[in-house]
Amino acid sequence: MRTVNEAGKVAEPVEVKVAPESRARRREGDRRGQGAMRGSGRPRARINWRDFDKLCGLQATQEEIAWWFGCSVDTLERACQRDQGRGFAEYAQQKHRVYG
């Protein structure tokens, strides 16, 4: 197809070469600029510490408590470390003394 430019001359079409996208970028989508999407991962498990304390008082195991809250044992351990400042065993032992 020929087009006419402003000067009235016939302009030849120009072929533009574009670098092909990498397969990974096409498959996963463009991952640049996702800084605004912070916190869009899986939400943290919610632990009701009052229920947790009662379960410890009943001498429930770590597996039973994890089942109660619908999370894994590792998630329960991380939640104890994050929210209570100590691991599951230490926190549960303290609560067993209080309620036991």
Protein backbone atom coordinates (compact mmCIF):
# COMPACT_ATOMS: atom_id res chain seq x y z
CA MET A 1 0.00 0.00 0.00
CA ARG A 2 1.38 3.37 -0.95
CA THR A 3 0.62 6.59 0.88
CA VAL A 4 1.21 10.19 -0.06
CA ASN A 5 3.13 12.41 2.38
CA GLU A 6 2.64 16.15 2.96
CA ALA A 7 4.93 17.12 0.08
CA GLY A 8 2.83 15.13 -2.35
CA LYS A 9 5.42 12.44 -2.87
CA VAL A 10 4.68 8.77 -2.62
CA ALA A 11 6.03 7.30 0.60
CA GLU A 12 7.15 3.72 0.71
CA PRO A 13 5.93 1.65 3.67
CA VAL A 14 8.52 1.05 6.34
CA GLU A 15 8.78 -2.30 8.00
CA VAL A 16 9.23 -2.05 11.76
CA LYS A 17 10.99 -4.88 13.50
CA VAL A 18 9.97 -5.54 17.09
CA ALA A 19 12.00 -7.78 19.36
CA PRO A 20 10.02 -10.89 20.24
CA GLU A 21 8.85 -11.19 23.82
CA SER A 22 10.51 -13.81 25.91
CA ARG A 23 8.46 -16.92 26.51
CA ALA A 24 8.57 -16.40 30.25
CA ARG A 25 7.17 -12.87 29.98
CA ARG A 26 4.34 -14.00 27.73
CA ARG A 27 3.52 -16.94 29.98
CA GLU A 28 3.69 -15.07 33.30
CA GLY A 29 2.71 -11.62 32.16
CA ASP A 30 4.77 -8.49 32.53
CA ARG A 31 5.95 -8.39 36.15
CA ARG A 32 7.44 -4.91 36.08
CA GLY A 33 5.82 -2.20 38.17
CA GLN A 34 4.20 -4.44 40.76
CA GLY A 35 5.43 -2.37 43.68
CA ALA A 36 1.92 -0.95 44.06
CA MET A 37 0.54 -4.46 44.59
CA ARG A 38 2.33 -5.14 47.88
CA GLY A 39 0.27 -7.20 50.27
CA SER A 40 -1.68 -8.90 47.54
CA GLY A 41 -0.48 -12.36 48.57
CA ARG A 42 -2.28 -14.87 50.70
CA PRO A 43 -3.81 -13.32 53.83
CA ARG A 44 -2.34 -14.24 57.19
CA ALA A 45 -4.03 -16.90 59.28
CA ARG A 46 -6.20 -15.38 61.99
CA ILE A 47 -5.49 -16.77 65.43
CA ASN A 48 -7.94 -16.02 68.23
CA TRP A 49 -5.53 -15.98 71.15
CA ARG A 50 -8.31 -16.39 73.71
CA ASP A 51 -9.39 -19.67 72.05
CA PHE A 52 -5.73 -20.62 71.71
CA ASP A 53 -5.21 -20.14 75.44
CA LYS A 54 -8.28 -22.23 76.28
CA LEU A 55 -7.11 -25.04 74.00
CA CYS A 56 -3.70 -24.97 75.69
CA GLY A 57 -5.47 -25.21 79.04
CA LEU A 58 -7.20 -28.35 77.78
CA GLN A 59 -3.74 -29.74 76.88
CA ALA A 60 -4.53 -29.83 73.16
CA THR A 61 -1.56 -30.73 70.96
CA GLN A 62 -0.06 -28.35 68.44
CA GLU A 63 -1.61 -30.41 65.62
CA GLU A 64 -5.06 -30.18 67.23
CA ILE A 65 -4.78 -26.44 67.71
CA ALA A 66 -3.60 -25.99 64.11
CA TRP A 67 -6.59 -28.05 62.93
CA TRP A 68 -8.92 -25.88 65.06
CA PHE A 69 -7.71 -22.69 63.33
CA GLY A 70 -7.51 -24.29 59.88
CA CYS A 71 -3.79 -23.77 59.37
CA SER A 72 -0.61 -25.81 59.36
CA VAL A 73 1.62 -26.47 62.36
CA ASP A 74 4.32 -24.30 60.77
CA THR A 75 1.88 -21.41 60.34
CA LEU A 76 0.85 -21.74 63.98
CA GLU A 77 4.51 -21.66 65.04
CA ARG A 78 5.15 -18.53 62.96
CA ALA A 79 2.05 -16.83 64.37
CA CYS A 80 3.22 -17.52 67.92
CA GLN A 81 6.65 -16.13 67.12
CA ARG A 82 5.21 -13.08 65.36
CA ASP A 83 2.38 -12.15 67.75
CA GLN A 84 3.54 -13.49 71.12
CA GLY A 85 7.31 -13.14 70.75
CA ARG A 86 8.07 -16.80 71.55
CA GLY A 87 7.61 -20.22 70.02
CA PHE A 88 4.59 -22.48 70.40
CA ALA A 89 6.10 -24.77 73.05
CA GLU A 90 7.15 -21.95 75.35
CA TYR A 91 3.85 -20.07 74.99
CA ALA A 92 1.72 -23.20 75.41
CA GLN A 93 3.69 -24.25 78.49
CA GLN A 94 3.08 -20.86 80.09
CA LYS A 95 -0.67 -21.04 79.32
CA HIS A 96 -0.87 -24.60 80.64
CA ARG A 97 0.44 -23.34 83.97
CA VAL A 98 -2.15 -20.56 84.04
CA TYR A 99 -5.16 -22.72 83.13
CA GLY A 100 -3.94 -26.14 84.37
